[in-house]
């Protein structure tokens, strides 16, 4: 199989990497995460206006450039390498995919806004009792005349505090449905409890108390949203796996460089054979992760069984590698590895969080076992 990138894909990756190297400062990013809006809106707008990456995987009719999974992989990895906290995967991959597949008239304007950087969309799917089982939806949506009325609770809605729109899963009479909510108008019946996550992102728990929505808030046919949601979850999982590869590349490179500089017993610690073996093991975990991400990305367009199996294989591989590389990088840096003075501590937090996004490592190991059972 040919894994060579096209000239356009190389330009996309190189342009984004140069932009991030010159304009995405880790210290500034962390300061923004811990105060004020929790992110950098000017950077988000530059992603749209100067780089066009927010519409990279969207069709041209909504302002995109018509890319696909490979473009998403390259973008996500570059963003992971720079430890970008802006909501690319959640908005431009997961939410955009759901909106695009819905075919709804209400979705097209939001897709255009995503491409131009004026919309941030968060998916509210997890609930307290469901855990990794997104299909276990207790939130309800009932008809009241021409309107829909939603009641329930959602947890850990990443980027909800900075979002302009929400996509909310709810159970209707015919099954699981998906609703689009514009929250710039602060709709009655919706309460957002925001907080900062361990990896310096913004998330929220939602209370829906008779949240009244117009008829066109329902995306696609009533009760038929689950296949698209399952696909979106796999797309999100594959994208955060690619992001984690970028994280791990940076962590490994910093660790190797530190081992060359840190002196112990009059010589660099990188000269000790035991530590060399440890870093080789880290490199092997990274290379296995790269291969697993390729497998997942190239199978996103396959049938549901093949897609799910490939994504779970990648997520399980990444979960193991993220844990191994992150923990060993911190250990090799000594006590400094856990401080906020070094980048390694921030990357370690992100690699820890990645293990639980779009399905935990354990969830994907179990799913992979079920999908491969003879």
Protein backbone atom coordinates (compact mmCIF):
# COMPACT_ATOMS: atom_id res chain seq x y z
CA UNK A 1 0.00 0.00 0.00
CA UNK A 2 1.32 3.45 -0.92
CA UNK A 3 1.60 5.76 2.11
CA UNK A 4 3.15 8.64 0.16
CA UNK A 5 1.36 11.94 0.68
CA UNK A 6 0.37 14.08 -2.29
CA UNK A 7 2.04 17.43 -2.94
CA UNK A 8 -1.06 19.22 -1.66
CA UNK A 9 -1.08 17.17 1.54
CA UNK A 10 2.61 17.89 2.11
CA UNK A 11 1.94 21.61 1.68
CA UNK A 12 -0.95 21.43 4.13
CA UNK A 13 1.15 19.71 6.78
CA UNK A 14 4.23 21.91 6.29
CA UNK A 15 2.23 25.14 6.24
CA UNK A 16 0.39 24.26 9.43
CA UNK A 17 3.58 23.14 11.18
CA UNK A 18 5.33 26.40 10.30
CA UNK A 19 2.35 28.43 11.47
CA UNK A 20 2.26 26.64 14.81
CA UNK A 21 6.02 26.86 15.31
CA UNK A 22 5.95 30.61 14.74
CA UNK A 23 2.66 31.65 16.31
CA UNK A 24 1.49 29.05 18.80
CA UNK A 25 3.38 29.60 22.02
CA UNK A 26 2.83 27.02 24.76
CA UNK A 27 3.11 29.52 27.59
CA UNK A 28 0.56 31.83 25.98
CA UNK A 29 -1.75 28.90 25.29
CA UNK A 30 -1.64 27.69 28.90
CA UNK A 31 -2.27 31.20 30.20
CA UNK A 32 -5.32 31.49 27.95
CA UNK A 33 -6.56 28.09 29.12
CA UNK A 34 -6.43 29.06 32.78
CA UNK A 35 -7.99 32.49 32.51
CA UNK A 36 -10.41 34.42 30.35
CA UNK A 37 -12.20 32.52 27.59
CA UNK A 38 -10.12 29.37 27.97
CA UNK A 39 -8.78 29.40 24.41
CA UNK A 40 -7.42 31.78 21.73
CA UNK A 41 -10.20 32.90 19.36
CA UNK A 42 -7.70 34.76 17.17
CA UNK A 43 -5.79 31.54 16.54
CA UNK A 44 -9.04 29.75 15.70
CA UNK A 45 -9.90 32.47 13.20
CA UNK A 46 -6.44 32.21 11.68
CA UNK A 47 -6.97 28.47 11.24
CA UNK A 48 -9.92 29.39 9.02
CA UNK A 49 -8.71 32.54 7.26
CA UNK A 50 -5.00 31.86 6.79
CA UNK A 51 -4.79 28.06 6.69
CA UNK A 52 -8.27 26.84 5.75
CA UNK A 53 -7.93 23.78 7.96
CA UNK A 54 -11.38 24.09 9.57
CA UNK A 55 -12.95 23.23 6.23
CA UNK A 56 -10.28 20.80 5.09
CA UNK A 57 -12.59 17.77 5.32
CA UNK A 58 -15.74 19.60 4.18
CA UNK A 59 -17.09 19.72 0.61
CA UNK A 60 -16.59 22.82 -1.47
CA UNK A 61 -20.30 23.69 -1.52
CA UNK A 62 -20.12 24.66 2.16
CA UNK A 63 -16.78 26.43 1.90
CA UNK A 64 -14.49 23.46 2.42
CA UNK A 65 -11.63 22.12 0.32
CA UNK A 66 -12.96 18.60 -0.19
CA UNK A 67 -10.34 16.70 1.76
CA UNK A 68 -10.76 13.47 3.69
CA UNK A 69 -9.33 11.32 6.48
CA UNK A 70 -5.70 11.77 5.40
CA UNK A 71 -6.00 15.55 5.65
CA UNK A 72 -7.63 15.19 9.06
CA UNK A 73 -4.80 12.90 10.17
CA UNK A 74 -2.10 15.36 9.10
CA UNK A 75 -3.85 18.30 10.72
CA UNK A 76 -4.58 16.50 13.98
CA UNK A 77 -1.01 15.25 14.32
CA UNK A 78 0.42 18.73 13.76
CA UNK A 79 -2.00 20.19 16.31
CA UNK A 80 -1.04 17.48 18.78
CA UNK A 81 2.65 18.19 18.31
CA UNK A 82 2.03 21.82 19.29
CA UNK A 83 -0.43 20.85 22.07
CA UNK A 84 -3.20 22.98 20.59
CA UNK A 85 -6.28 23.26 22.83
CA UNK A 86 -8.60 24.85 20.27
CA UNK A 87 -11.50 22.47 19.42
CA UNK A 88 -10.52 21.19 15.98
CA UNK A 89 -11.49 17.53 16.40
CA UNK A 90 -14.74 18.21 18.26
CA UNK A 91 -15.95 20.87 15.81
CA UNK A 92 -14.32 20.34 12.41
CA UNK A 93 -14.33 16.53 12.49
CA UNK A 94 -17.03 15.13 14.78
CA UNK A 95 -19.71 17.83 14.69
CA UNK A 96 -19.06 18.68 11.04
CA UNK A 97 -19.45 15.02 10.06
CA UNK A 98 -22.75 14.74 11.90
CA UNK A 99 -24.09 17.91 10.34
CA UNK A 100 -22.97 16.93 6.86
CA UNK A 101 -24.52 13.45 6.98
CA UNK A 102 -27.80 14.78 8.36
CA UNK A 103 -28.68 16.45 5.07
CA UNK A 104 -30.75 18.94 7.05
CA UNK A 105 -31.42 22.43 5.76
CA UNK A 106 -30.51 23.78 9.20
CA UNK A 107 -27.08 22.11 9.01
CA UNK A 108 -25.75 23.85 5.89
CA UNK A 109 -25.40 27.37 7.40
CA UNK A 110 -23.61 25.96 10.47
CA UNK A 111 -21.21 24.00 8.26
CA UNK A 112 -20.38 27.20 6.41
CA UNK A 113 -19.78 28.93 9.74
CA UNK A 114 -17.45 26.14 10.84
CA UNK A 115 -15.40 26.57 7.68
CA UNK A 116 -15.16 30.33 8.23
CA UNK A 117 -14.29 30.00 11.91
CA UNK A 118 -17.44 31.67 13.22
CA UNK A 119 -19.02 28.55 14.74
CA UNK A 120 -17.78 26.17 17.41
CA UNK A 121 -19.96 23.07 17.81
CA UNK A 122 -19.82 20.58 20.70
CA UNK A 123 -21.44 17.15 20.87
CA UNK A 124 -23.40 16.34 24.05
CA UNK A 125 -23.73 12.56 24.07
CA UNK A 126 -22.38 11.18 27.36
CA UNK A 127 -24.58 10.79 30.44
CA UNK A 128 -23.73 9.93 34.03
CA UNK A 129 -25.20 6.43 33.94
CA UNK A 130 -24.01 5.56 30.43
CA UNK A 131 -20.25 6.01 30.69
CA UNK A 132 -18.76 4.79 27.43
CA UNK A 133 -22.15 3.51 26.25
CA UNK A 134 -23.36 6.49 24.24
CA UNK A 135 -26.28 4.43 22.98
CA UNK A 136 -27.71 4.30 26.51
CA UNK A 137 -29.56 7.63 26.21
CA UNK A 138 -31.88 8.68 29.03
CA UNK A 139 -32.40 12.27 27.88
CA UNK A 140 -35.85 12.48 26.27
CA UNK A 141 -37.34 14.60 23.51
CA UNK A 142 -41.11 14.79 23.18
CA UNK A 143 -43.38 16.58 20.76
CA UNK A 144 -45.38 19.60 21.88
CA UNK A 145 -47.21 20.95 18.86
CA UNK A 146 -44.55 21.80 16.29
CA UNK A 147 -41.82 22.03 18.93
CA UNK A 148 -39.55 19.52 20.64
CA UNK A 149 -39.08 19.56 24.41
CA UNK A 150 -35.84 18.05 25.79
CA UNK A 151 -35.33 16.92 29.38
CA UNK A 152 -32.28 15.24 30.87
CA UNK A 153 -28.62 15.70 31.77
CA UNK A 154 -25.38 15.46 29.83
CA UNK A 155 -21.89 15.23 31.29
CA UNK A 156 -18.37 16.03 30.12
CA UNK A 157 -19.35 18.02 27.03
CA UNK A 158 -15.91 19.10 25.91
CA UNK A 159 -15.73 22.69 24.61
CA UNK A 160 -19.35 23.46 25.51
CA UNK A 161 -18.30 26.64 27.40
CA UNK A 162 -16.75 28.08 24.21
CA UNK A 163 -19.32 26.70 21.77
CA UNK A 164 -21.86 28.59 19.68
CA UNK A 165 -23.91 25.45 18.98
CA UNK A 166 -24.59 22.11 20.62
CA UNK A 167 -25.51 18.77 19.10
CA UNK A 168 -27.59 16.91 21.70
CA UNK A 169 -28.59 13.25 21.60
CA UNK A 170 -32.04 12.41 22.98
CA UNK A 171 -34.43 9.50 22.92
CA UNK A 172 -37.65 10.04 21.01
CA UNK A 173 -40.56 7.68 20.46
CA UNK A 174 -38.78 6.02 17.52
CA UNK A 175 -35.24 5.80 18.89
CA UNK A 176 -32.19 8.02 19.25
CA UNK A 177 -32.38 11.43 17.61
CA UNK A 178 -29.98 14.34 17.26
CA UNK A 179 -30.83 18.00 17.82
CA UNK A 180 -29.00 21.18 16.85
CA UNK A 181 -29.15 23.99 19.42
CA UNK A 182 -27.91 27.55 18.90
CA UNK A 183 -26.75 28.59 22.38
CA UNK A 184 -25.68 32.11 21.48
CA UNK A 185 -29.24 33.14 22.36
CA UNK A 186 -29.01 31.44 25.82
CA UNK A 187 -32.17 29.33 25.41
CA UNK A 188 -34.43 28.89 28.43
CA UNK A 189 -34.25 25.44 29.95
CA UNK A 190 -30.52 24.96 29.35
CA UNK A 191 -27.99 25.34 32.17
CA UNK A 192 -24.27 25.01 31.46
CA UNK A 193 -21.95 24.15 34.37
CA UNK A 194 -18.48 24.81 32.98
CA UNK A 195 -15.10 23.71 34.31
CA UNK A 196 -11.48 23.24 33.25
CA UNK A 197 -10.29 19.69 32.57
CA UNK A 198 -7.02 18.13 33.71
CA UNK A 199 -5.47 18.81 30.30
CA UNK A 200 -6.43 22.53 30.36
CA UNK A 201 -9.47 22.30 28.11
CA UNK A 202 -12.95 23.60 28.84
CA UNK A 203 -15.89 21.27 29.36
CA UNK A 204 -19.33 21.40 30.95
CA UNK A 205 -22.17 19.38 32.38
CA UNK A 206 -25.58 20.31 30.96
CA UNK A 207 -28.98 20.42 32.59
CA UNK A 208 -31.89 20.25 30.15
CA UNK A 209 -35.13 21.23 31.84
CA UNK A 210 -37.91 21.36 29.26
CA UNK A 211 -35.60 22.89 26.69
CA UNK A 212 -37.95 23.92 23.89
CA UNK A 213 -36.65 23.68 20.34
CA UNK A 214 -38.25 24.39 16.94
CA UNK A 215 -39.13 21.54 14.60
CA UNK A 216 -36.10 22.13 12.37
CA UNK A 217 -33.73 21.52 15.32
CA UNK A 218 -34.17 17.81 14.64
CA UNK A 219 -31.42 16.65 12.32
CA UNK A 220 -32.28 13.90 9.82
CA UNK A 221 -35.14 11.49 10.48
CA UNK A 222 -36.51 10.99 13.97
CA UNK A 223 -35.02 8.00 15.76
CA UNK A 224 -32.43 7.24 13.08
CA UNK A 225 -29.41 9.17 14.31
CA UNK A 226 -27.42 6.36 15.93
CA UNK A 227 -25.52 5.06 12.86
CA UNK A 228 -24.24 8.57 12.14
CA UNK A 229 -23.37 9.12 15.81
CA UNK A 230 -21.46 5.82 15.91
CA UNK A 231 -19.54 6.87 12.80
CA UNK A 232 -18.80 10.30 14.27
CA UNK A 233 -17.48 8.71 17.42
CA UNK A 234 -15.14 6.51 15.39
CA UNK A 235 -14.01 9.52 13.37
CA UNK A 236 -13.34 11.43 16.57
CA UNK A 237 -11.45 8.51 18.08
CA UNK A 238 -9.27 8.17 14.97
CA UNK A 239 -8.56 11.91 14.96
CA UNK A 240 -7.52 12.05 18.63
CA UNK A 241 -5.30 9.03 17.97
CA UNK A 242 -3.55 11.07 15.27
CA UNK A 243 -3.34 13.98 17.70
CA UNK A 244 -1.77 11.67 20.29
CA UNK A 245 0.88 10.63 17.75
CA UNK A 246 1.85 14.29 17.48
CA UNK A 247 1.93 14.53 21.29
CA UNK A 248 4.13 11.45 21.57
CA UNK A 249 6.55 12.58 18.85
CA UNK A 250 7.17 15.79 20.79
CA UNK A 251 7.45 14.01 24.14
CA UNK A 252 9.95 11.47 22.80
CA UNK A 253 12.04 14.13 21.05
CA UNK A 254 12.19 16.26 24.21
CA UNK A 255 13.12 13.24 26.31
CA UNK A 256 15.95 12.21 24.00
CA UNK A 257 17.26 15.78 23.98
CA UNK A 258 17.07 16.00 27.77
CA UNK A 259 18.95 12.69 28.10
CA UNK A 260 21.75 14.16 26.00
CA UNK A 261 22.07 17.21 28.25
CA UNK A 262 21.38 15.92 31.78
CA UNK A 263 24.65 14.97 33.48
CA UNK A 264 25.01 12.23 36.09
CA UNK A 265 28.31 10.76 37.32
CA UNK A 266 30.09 13.10 34.93
CA UNK A 267 28.36 11.95 31.74
CA UNK A 268 25.00 12.39 29.97
CA UNK A 269 22.31 10.06 31.27
CA UNK A 270 21.59 9.18 27.64
CA UNK A 271 24.86 7.25 27.58
CA UNK A 272 23.54 4.72 30.09
CA UNK A 273 22.47 1.55 28.32
CA UNK A 274 19.41 0.97 30.50
CA UNK A 275 18.01 4.39 29.61
CA UNK A 276 18.86 3.91 25.94
CA UNK A 277 16.80 0.71 25.98
CA UNK A 278 13.93 2.57 27.63
CA UNK A 279 13.92 5.23 24.92
CA UNK A 280 14.08 2.58 22.20
CA UNK A 281 11.00 0.98 23.75
CA UNK A 282 9.27 4.38 23.66
CA UNK A 283 10.20 4.74 19.98
CA UNK A 284 8.78 1.30 19.18
CA UNK A 285 5.49 2.17 20.89
CA UNK A 286 5.33 5.35 18.82
CA UNK A 287 5.94 3.52 15.54
CA UNK A 288 3.24 0.96 16.33
CA UNK A 289 0.88 3.85 17.07
CA UNK A 290 1.63 5.49 13.73
CA UNK A 291 0.77 2.27 11.89
CA UNK A 292 -2.42 1.84 13.91
CA UNK A 293 -3.54 5.38 13.08
CA UNK A 294 -2.94 4.78 9.37
CA UNK A 295 -5.07 1.63 9.59
CA UNK A 296 -7.90 3.47 11.33
CA UNK A 297 -7.88 6.50 9.04
CA UNK A 298 -7.78 4.47 5.84
CA UNK A 299 -10.74 2.36 7.02
CA UNK A 300 -13.05 5.21 8.05
CA UNK A 301 -14.85 4.85 4.74
CA UNK A 302 -15.21 1.06 5.01
CA UNK A 303 -18.25 -0.85 6.23
CA UNK A 304 -19.26 -0.26 9.85
CA UNK A 305 -17.72 -3.50 11.15
CA UNK A 306 -14.33 -2.95 9.51
CA UNK A 307 -14.31 0.73 10.53
CA UNK A 308 -15.12 -0.06 14.16
CA UNK A 309 -12.55 -2.85 14.40
CA UNK A 310 -9.78 -0.69 12.92
CA UNK A 311 -10.59 2.29 15.12
CA UNK A 312 -10.73 0.18 18.28
CA UNK A 313 -7.39 -1.41 17.39
CA UNK A 314 -5.89 2.05 17.00
CA UNK A 315 -7.46 3.45 20.17
CA UNK A 316 -6.27 0.46 22.22
CA UNK A 317 -2.77 0.76 20.76
CA UNK A 318 -2.66 4.49 21.36
CA UNK A 319 -3.98 4.09 24.91
CA UNK A 320 -1.15 1.71 25.78
CA UNK A 321 1.50 3.80 24.02
CA UNK A 322 0.32 7.10 25.48
CA UNK A 323 0.53 5.66 28.98
CA UNK A 324 3.95 4.07 28.41
CA UNK A 325 5.57 7.01 26.64
CA UNK A 326 4.05 9.63 28.93
CA UNK A 327 5.00 7.90 32.16
CA UNK A 328 8.52 7.07 31.03
CA UNK A 329 9.12 10.58 29.75
CA UNK A 330 8.15 11.99 33.12
CA UNK A 331 10.33 9.46 34.92
CA UNK A 332 13.36 10.18 32.72
CA UNK A 333 12.95 13.90 33.39
CA UNK A 334 12.89 13.26 37.14
CA UNK A 335 10.86 15.53 39.41
CA UNK A 336 10.91 18.30 36.79
CA UNK A 337 8.71 16.16 34.57
CA UNK A 338 5.63 16.82 36.67
CA UNK A 339 6.04 20.58 36.96
CA UNK A 340 4.40 23.17 34.75
CA UNK A 341 7.78 24.72 34.01
CA UNK A 342 8.51 22.08 31.40
CA UNK A 343 6.35 21.26 28.40
CA UNK A 344 6.58 17.56 29.25
CA UNK A 345 4.17 17.93 32.17
CA UNK A 346 1.50 19.52 29.98
CA UNK A 347 1.91 16.87 27.28
CA UNK A 348 1.66 14.13 29.91
CA UNK A 349 -1.71 15.47 31.04
CA UNK A 350 -3.00 15.49 27.48
CA UNK A 351 -1.76 11.96 26.82
CA UNK A 352 -3.58 10.85 29.96
CA UNK A 353 -6.84 12.49 28.86
CA UNK A 354 -6.61 11.05 25.34
CA UNK A 355 -6.90 7.56 26.81
CA UNK A 356 -10.54 8.32 27.73
CA UNK A 357 -11.79 10.44 24.82
CA UNK A 358 -14.30 8.88 22.40
CA UNK A 359 -14.23 5.67 24.37
CA UNK A 360 -11.69 4.60 26.98
CA UNK A 361 -8.85 2.20 26.26
CA UNK A 362 -10.69 -0.58 28.10
CA UNK A 363 -13.85 0.11 26.10
CA UNK A 364 -12.03 -0.23 22.81
CA UNK A 365 -10.12 -3.34 23.89
CA UNK A 366 -13.46 -4.97 24.75
CA UNK A 367 -15.08 -3.80 21.51
CA UNK A 368 -12.17 -5.07 19.44
CA UNK A 369 -12.41 -8.47 21.11
CA UNK A 370 -16.12 -8.67 20.32
CA UNK A 371 -15.62 -7.59 16.72
CA UNK A 372 -12.89 -10.16 16.09
CA UNK A 373 -14.60 -13.04 17.86
CA UNK A 374 -15.06 -15.96 15.51
